[in-house]
Amino acid sequence: MVSAVFHTPLDAAPAAAPKTMNPAPASAAATAVGSTAPAAAAGAAAPAATVPAQAPRRDWAALSRSFWMAVLPPLCGLGLLIGLWAVVSTTTGGSIPTPLETWKQALEIFSNPFYRNGPNDQGVGWNVLMSLERVAVGFGMAALVGIPAGFVIGRFNFLSRMFNPLISLLRPVSPLAWLPIGLLVFKGANPAAIWTIFICSIWPMIINTAVGVQRVPQDYMNVARVLNLSEWKIATKILFPAVLPYMLTGVRLAVGTAWLVIVAAEMLTGGVGIGFWVWDEWNNLNVKNIIIAIFVIGIVGLVLEFALIKLATAFTFEEVKA
């Protein structure tokens, strides 16, 4: 009996305890295992379902805004130019052709830009290519001379003091003032035009390269002196990487100057070239072709400028943000 009295409660207690003490933990466990996990999964899935729905809308809005900010202002500027052009054409009584008339003439010209009917009657494409060839030769010669001269002038103080007055004296001279000197020395229109490009485009490269060399931190030069580096090592390992952005800026300015100079030089020297084409159309009183030539000159200059800006950006080292 004693055994029965003590064993019955002991056997019943474990059976009763889960019924009275464990319902709440069991439900909590069931909630934690059965309900919370799906709820957590649902809670994690809910943002994943809404974020992709909102993110494309935000991205599309930002893309649309950036597109219109990139396209709309240039279109407004072009519309303003065409509007002013139309007003001037109307007020001058037709002496300046309207934008529509010029557009029709441009379509006719560019339908066959590379025709040849003789040495002095060639398409606008050949004239542009001939001008670019002269610019390339004159500019290339100026780069071969001007960039090393800029390094030397910026590197040595004596040479800087020696050449600064000469550069300040010759740089402001008009390009057309150099053309008679070229005709006198080279006895030909084409070499004279190349000489004019050379002498006018060399100054930006010399000045910008020299300024870049002079702005190299003195600590770099002190380290080079301590390491006993040669001038060649200093120029190639220290100066050139630091001066490259300045040098490319000088190149960009020089190309713009060369393209301006060649048009003026070709007007006086004749032959084949976009400048001669403008002057020849003026002699024929063909104002439409003159306006078309103005746009061609501007577009080619813009393309050259854009290409050199991209080149300068590729070789410009910016600080990487952490």
Protein backbone atom coordinates (compact mmCIF):
# COMPACT_ATOMS: atom_id res chain seq x y z
CA MET A 1 0.00 0.00 0.00
CA VAL A 2 2.77 2.31 0.80
CA SER A 3 4.20 1.65 -2.54
CA ALA A 4 0.87 2.20 -4.17
CA VAL A 5 0.29 5.45 -2.30
CA PHE A 6 3.64 6.96 -3.27
CA HIS A 7 3.85 5.59 -6.79
CA THR A 8 0.48 6.74 -7.95
CA PRO A 9 1.20 10.47 -7.43
CA LEU A 10 4.69 10.10 -8.89
CA ASP A 11 3.26 8.43 -11.96
CA ALA A 12 0.43 10.95 -12.23
CA ALA A 13 2.60 13.98 -11.74
CA PRO A 14 4.42 13.67 -15.01
CA ALA A 15 1.12 13.11 -16.77
CA ALA A 16 -0.52 16.08 -15.07
CA ALA A 17 2.41 18.40 -15.37
CA PRO A 18 2.36 18.63 -19.15
CA LYS A 19 -1.36 19.30 -19.02
CA THR A 20 -1.16 22.09 -16.44
CA MET A 21 2.33 23.58 -16.66
CA ASN A 22 3.35 23.14 -20.31
CA PRO A 23 0.47 24.49 -22.39
CA ALA A 24 1.90 28.01 -22.47
CA PRO A 25 5.46 26.93 -23.31
CA ALA A 26 4.07 24.48 -25.81
CA SER A 27 2.03 27.17 -27.45
CA ALA A 28 5.02 29.51 -27.31
CA ALA A 29 7.16 26.82 -28.85
CA ALA A 30 4.49 26.19 -31.44
CA THR A 31 4.37 29.87 -32.10
CA ALA A 32 8.12 30.10 -32.28
CA VAL A 33 8.48 27.06 -34.49
CA GLY A 34 5.24 26.96 -36.41
CA SER A 35 4.10 30.59 -36.56
CA THR A 36 7.11 32.80 -36.06
CA ALA A 37 9.19 31.22 -38.79
CA PRO A 38 6.53 31.67 -41.44
CA ALA A 39 5.82 35.15 -40.10
CA ALA A 40 9.50 35.95 -40.22
CA ALA A 41 9.69 34.52 -43.69
CA ALA A 42 6.64 36.53 -44.69
CA GLY A 43 8.14 39.64 -43.09
CA ALA A 44 11.36 39.08 -44.99
CA ALA A 45 9.48 38.38 -48.18
CA ALA A 46 7.25 41.45 -47.92
CA PRO A 47 10.05 44.05 -48.42
CA ALA A 48 11.53 41.87 -51.14
CA ALA A 49 8.18 42.01 -52.89
CA THR A 50 7.76 45.79 -52.50
CA VAL A 51 11.35 47.03 -53.04
CA PRO A 52 11.70 45.69 -56.57
CA ALA A 53 8.33 47.26 -57.35
CA GLN A 54 9.46 50.67 -56.07
CA ALA A 55 13.11 50.60 -57.11
CA PRO A 56 12.43 50.40 -60.85
CA ARG A 57 10.03 53.33 -60.55
CA ARG A 58 12.67 55.38 -58.76
CA ASP A 59 15.36 54.33 -61.23
CA TRP A 60 13.11 55.12 -64.17
CA ALA A 61 12.28 58.55 -62.75
CA ALA A 62 15.95 59.36 -62.16
CA LEU A 63 16.88 58.09 -65.61
CA SER A 64 14.13 60.10 -67.25
CA ARG A 65 15.11 63.24 -65.34
CA SER A 66 18.80 62.88 -66.24
CA PHE A 67 17.88 62.22 -69.88
CA TRP A 68 15.79 65.34 -70.19
CA MET A 69 18.39 67.45 -68.38
CA ALA A 70 20.97 66.23 -70.88
CA VAL A 71 18.80 66.66 -73.97
CA LEU A 72 16.43 69.54 -73.29
CA PRO A 73 18.93 72.41 -72.67
CA PRO A 74 20.90 71.79 -75.90
CA LEU A 75 17.64 71.56 -77.83
CA CYS A 76 16.50 74.86 -76.32
CA GLY A 77 19.80 76.48 -77.29
CA LEU A 78 19.58 75.14 -80.82
CA GLY A 79 15.97 76.31 -81.07
CA LEU A 80 17.00 79.77 -79.89
CA LEU A 81 19.73 79.93 -82.54
CA ILE A 82 17.35 78.86 -85.31
CA GLY A 83 14.72 81.33 -84.10
CA LEU A 84 17.17 84.26 -84.11
CA TRP A 85 18.44 83.14 -87.51
CA ALA A 86 14.90 83.13 -88.90
CA VAL A 87 14.21 86.60 -87.48
CA VAL A 88 17.43 88.02 -88.96
CA SER A 89 16.69 86.38 -92.30
CA THR A 90 13.24 87.97 -92.35
CA THR A 91 14.43 91.44 -91.35
CA THR A 92 17.25 91.51 -93.93
CA GLY A 93 14.85 90.99 -96.81
CA GLY A 94 16.19 87.63 -97.92
CA SER A 95 19.89 88.52 -98.24
CA ILE A 96 20.56 85.90 -95.56
CA PRO A 97 18.90 82.58 -96.40
CA THR A 98 16.38 81.08 -94.02
CA PRO A 99 17.15 77.95 -91.98
CA LEU A 100 14.89 75.87 -94.21
CA GLU A 101 16.61 77.01 -97.41
CA THR A 102 20.01 76.34 -95.88
CA TRP A 103 18.90 72.89 -94.74
CA LYS A 104 17.79 71.96 -98.27
CA GLN A 105 21.13 73.18 -99.64
CA ALA A 106 22.99 71.16 -97.00
CA LEU A 107 21.13 68.00 -97.99
CA GLU A 108 22.19 68.57 -101.58
CA ILE A 109 25.83 69.22 -100.65
CA PHE A 110 26.20 66.24 -98.33
CA SER A 111 24.49 63.90 -100.75
CA ASN A 112 27.86 63.80 -102.58
CA PRO A 113 30.56 65.37 -100.37
CA PHE A 114 33.51 63.73 -102.15
CA TYR A 115 33.01 64.67 -105.78
CA ARG A 116 35.83 66.03 -107.92
CA ASN A 117 35.33 68.20 -110.98
CA GLY A 118 38.81 69.65 -111.09
CA PRO A 119 41.57 70.92 -108.81
CA ASN A 120 39.50 73.88 -107.59
CA ASP A 121 36.06 72.25 -107.62
CA GLN A 122 35.87 69.50 -105.02
CA GLY A 123 33.33 68.39 -102.47
CA VAL A 124 33.20 69.67 -98.92
CA GLY A 125 34.52 66.34 -97.65
CA TRP A 126 37.81 66.70 -99.53
CA ASN A 127 38.18 70.28 -98.30
CA VAL A 128 37.71 69.25 -94.67
CA LEU A 129 40.17 66.36 -95.01
CA MET A 130 42.79 68.61 -96.59
CA SER A 131 42.43 71.13 -93.76
CA LEU A 132 42.70 68.37 -91.16
CA GLU A 133 45.85 67.10 -92.87
CA ARG A 134 47.48 70.52 -92.64
CA VAL A 135 46.41 70.83 -89.02
CA ALA A 136 47.83 67.39 -88.19
CA VAL A 137 51.22 68.20 -89.75
CA GLY A 138 51.57 71.65 -88.22
CA PHE A 139 50.23 70.58 -84.85
CA GLY A 140 52.43 67.48 -84.78
CA MET A 141 55.55 69.55 -85.42
CA ALA A 142 54.49 72.01 -82.71
CA ALA A 143 54.01 69.15 -80.22
CA LEU A 144 57.42 67.67 -81.02
CA VAL A 145 59.05 71.02 -80.31
CA GLY A 146 56.76 72.63 -77.75
CA ILE A 147 56.35 69.83 -75.19
CA PRO A 148 60.10 69.16 -74.70
CA ALA A 149 60.74 72.91 -74.69
CA GLY A 150 58.12 73.32 -71.97
CA PHE A 151 59.79 70.62 -69.86
CA VAL A 152 63.19 72.28 -70.19
CA ILE A 153 61.92 75.81 -69.57
CA GLY A 154 59.95 74.72 -66.50
CA ARG A 155 62.80 72.61 -65.14
CA PHE A 156 65.58 75.18 -65.23
CA ASN A 157 65.09 78.63 -63.77
CA PHE A 158 67.71 80.28 -66.00
CA LEU A 159 65.98 79.10 -69.17
CA SER A 160 62.61 80.15 -67.78
CA ARG A 161 63.86 83.69 -67.22
CA MET A 162 65.50 83.66 -70.63
CA PHE A 163 62.52 82.56 -72.72
CA ASN A 164 59.61 84.11 -70.83
CA PRO A 165 60.08 87.57 -72.43
CA LEU A 166 60.32 86.03 -75.90
CA ILE A 167 57.15 83.97 -75.38
CA SER A 168 55.29 86.98 -73.99
CA LEU A 169 56.38 89.00 -77.04
CA LEU A 170 55.55 86.48 -79.78
CA ARG A 171 52.46 84.75 -78.41
CA PRO A 172 49.96 87.64 -78.96
CA VAL A 173 50.95 88.06 -82.63
CA SER A 174 48.05 87.44 -84.99
CA PRO A 175 48.24 84.23 -87.06
CA LEU A 176 47.83 86.19 -90.29
CA ALA A 177 50.96 88.21 -89.48
CA TRP A 178 53.02 84.99 -89.63
CA LEU A 179 51.65 83.94 -93.02
CA PRO A 180 53.72 86.37 -95.17
CA ILE A 181 56.86 85.19 -93.39
CA GLY A 182 55.98 81.62 -94.31
CA LEU A 183 55.30 82.56 -97.92
CA LEU A 184 58.62 84.40 -98.09
CA VAL A 185 60.65 81.57 -96.57
CA PHE A 186 58.96 78.46 -98.00
CA LYS A 187 57.85 79.85 -101.39
CA GLY A 188 54.57 77.93 -101.30
CA ALA A 189 51.06 78.26 -99.96
CA ASN A 190 50.81 74.82 -98.35
CA PRO A 191 54.09 75.03 -96.36
CA ALA A 192 53.22 78.59 -95.37
CA ALA A 193 49.86 77.45 -93.96
CA ILE A 194 51.57 74.62 -92.03
CA TRP A 195 54.15 77.07 -90.71
CA THR A 196 51.39 79.38 -89.50
CA ILE A 197 49.71 76.51 -87.66
CA PHE A 198 53.03 75.51 -86.12
CA ILE A 199 54.00 78.93 -84.83
CA CYS A 200 50.54 79.69 -83.43
CA SER A 201 49.84 76.34 -81.74
CA ILE A 202 53.23 75.91 -80.10
CA TRP A 203 52.72 78.53 -77.39
CA PRO A 204 49.90 76.85 -75.41
CA MET A 205 51.89 73.63 -75.20
CA ILE A 206 55.07 75.37 -74.06
CA ILE A 207 53.32 77.50 -71.44
CA ASN A 208 51.09 74.78 -69.96
CA THR A 209 53.89 72.20 -69.85
CA ALA A 210 56.27 74.66 -68.20
CA VAL A 211 53.66 75.66 -65.62
CA GLY A 212 53.02 71.99 -64.85
CA VAL A 213 56.71 71.33 -64.30
CA GLN A 214 57.02 74.34 -62.01
CA ARG A 215 54.08 73.14 -59.91
CA VAL A 216 55.54 69.74 -59.16
CA PRO A 217 55.91 69.53 -55.34
CA GLN A 218 59.40 70.34 -54.17
CA ASP A 219 59.39 67.26 -51.95
CA TYR A 220 59.48 65.08 -55.05
CA MET A 221 62.54 66.89 -56.33
CA ASN A 222 64.22 66.63 -52.93
CA VAL A 223 63.69 62.87 -52.94
CA ALA A 224 65.13 62.68 -56.45
CA ARG A 225 68.16 64.65 -55.30
CA VAL A 226 68.66 62.37 -52.30
CA LEU A 227 68.42 59.28 -54.52
CA ASN A 228 70.82 60.90 -56.99
CA LEU A 229 68.50 60.31 -59.95
CA SER A 230 69.55 61.35 -63.42
CA GLU A 231 67.68 64.04 -65.34
CA TRP A 232 66.17 61.37 -67.58
CA LYS A 233 64.83 59.49 -64.55
CA ILE A 234 63.49 62.72 -63.07
CA ALA A 235 61.75 63.61 -66.33
CA THR A 236 60.23 60.17 -66.95
CA LYS A 237 59.45 58.97 -63.42
CA ILE A 238 58.58 62.19 -61.59
CA LEU A 239 57.85 65.08 -63.95
CA PHE A 240 55.95 63.34 -66.74
CA PRO A 241 53.21 61.73 -64.60
CA ALA A 242 52.70 64.97 -62.65
CA VAL A 243 52.76 67.23 -65.71
CA LEU A 244 50.54 65.07 -67.94
CA PRO A 245 47.23 66.83 -67.09
CA TYR A 246 48.78 70.25 -67.76
CA MET A 247 50.34 68.99 -70.97
CA LEU A 248 47.04 67.60 -72.25
CA THR A 249 45.34 70.91 -71.47
CA GLY A 250 47.96 72.67 -73.57
CA VAL A 251 47.41 70.16 -76.38
CA ARG A 252 43.67 70.77 -76.30
CA LEU A 253 44.12 74.54 -76.48
CA ALA A 254 46.68 74.16 -79.26
CA VAL A 255 44.35 72.04 -81.40
CA GLY A 256 41.61 74.63 -81.08
CA THR A 257 44.05 77.36 -82.08
CA ALA A 258 45.32 75.33 -85.03
CA TRP A 259 41.81 74.76 -86.35
CA LEU A 260 41.06 78.47 -86.11
CA VAL A 261 44.29 79.40 -87.85
CA ILE A 262 43.95 77.03 -90.79
CA VAL A 263 40.62 78.54 -91.87
CA ALA A 264 42.10 82.04 -91.94
CA ALA A 265 45.30 80.89 -93.64
CA GLU A 266 43.49 78.97 -96.36
CA MET A 267 41.35 81.99 -97.20
CA LEU A 268 44.53 83.80 -98.22
CA THR A 269 46.61 80.97 -99.67
CA GLY A 270 43.93 79.25 -101.77
CA GLY A 271 44.03 75.66 -102.93
CA VAL A 272 41.88 72.94 -101.39
CA GLY A 273 40.63 73.43 -97.82
CA ILE A 274 37.59 74.47 -95.85
CA GLY A 275 38.88 78.05 -95.58
CA PHE A 276 39.40 78.31 -99.31
CA TRP A 277 35.96 76.79 -99.85
CA VAL A 278 34.39 79.56 -97.74
CA TRP A 279 36.24 82.26 -99.67
CA ASP A 280 35.40 80.70 -103.01
CA GLU A 281 31.70 80.55 -102.12
CA TRP A 282 31.85 84.20 -101.11
CA ASN A 283 33.28 85.08 -104.50
CA ASN A 284 30.33 83.21 -106.03
CA LEU A 285 27.93 85.04 -103.66
CA ASN A 286 26.63 81.70 -102.40
CA VAL A 287 25.68 82.62 -98.85
CA LYS A 288 24.00 79.29 -98.17
CA ASN A 289 27.25 77.40 -98.63
CA ILE A 290 29.06 79.89 -96.41
CA ILE A 291 26.61 79.25 -93.58
CA ILE A 292 26.96 75.50 -94.14
CA ALA A 293 30.74 75.85 -93.99
CA ILE A 294 30.43 77.73 -90.68
CA PHE A 295 28.48 74.83 -89.20
CA VAL A 296 30.97 72.30 -90.62
CA ILE A 297 33.89 74.18 -89.09
CA GLY A 298 32.12 74.34 -85.74
CA ILE A 299 31.18 70.66 -85.75
CA VAL A 300 34.71 69.53 -86.65
CA GLY A 301 36.18 71.75 -83.95
CA LEU A 302 33.66 70.38 -81.46
CA VAL A 303 34.60 66.80 -82.33
CA LEU A 304 38.31 67.55 -81.91
CA GLU A 305 37.64 69.24 -78.57
CA PHE A 306 35.50 66.36 -77.34
CA ALA A 307 38.09 63.76 -78.36
CA LEU A 308 40.89 65.57 -76.53
CA ILE A 309 38.73 66.07 -73.43
CA LYS A 310 38.11 62.32 -73.35
CA LEU A 311 41.83 61.71 -73.78
CA ALA A 312 42.65 64.10 -70.94
CA THR A 313 40.04 62.42 -68.71
CA ALA A 314 41.54 59.00 -69.41
CA PHE A 315 44.99 60.15 -68.29
CA THR A 316 43.90 62.29 -65.33
CA PHE A 317 44.31 60.54 -62.02
CA GLU A 318 41.68 61.38 -59.43
CA GLU A 319 41.71 60.56 -55.76
CA VAL A 320 39.75 57.40 -55.02
CA LYS A 321 37.28 57.90 -52.20
CA ALA A 322 37.11 55.21 -49.52
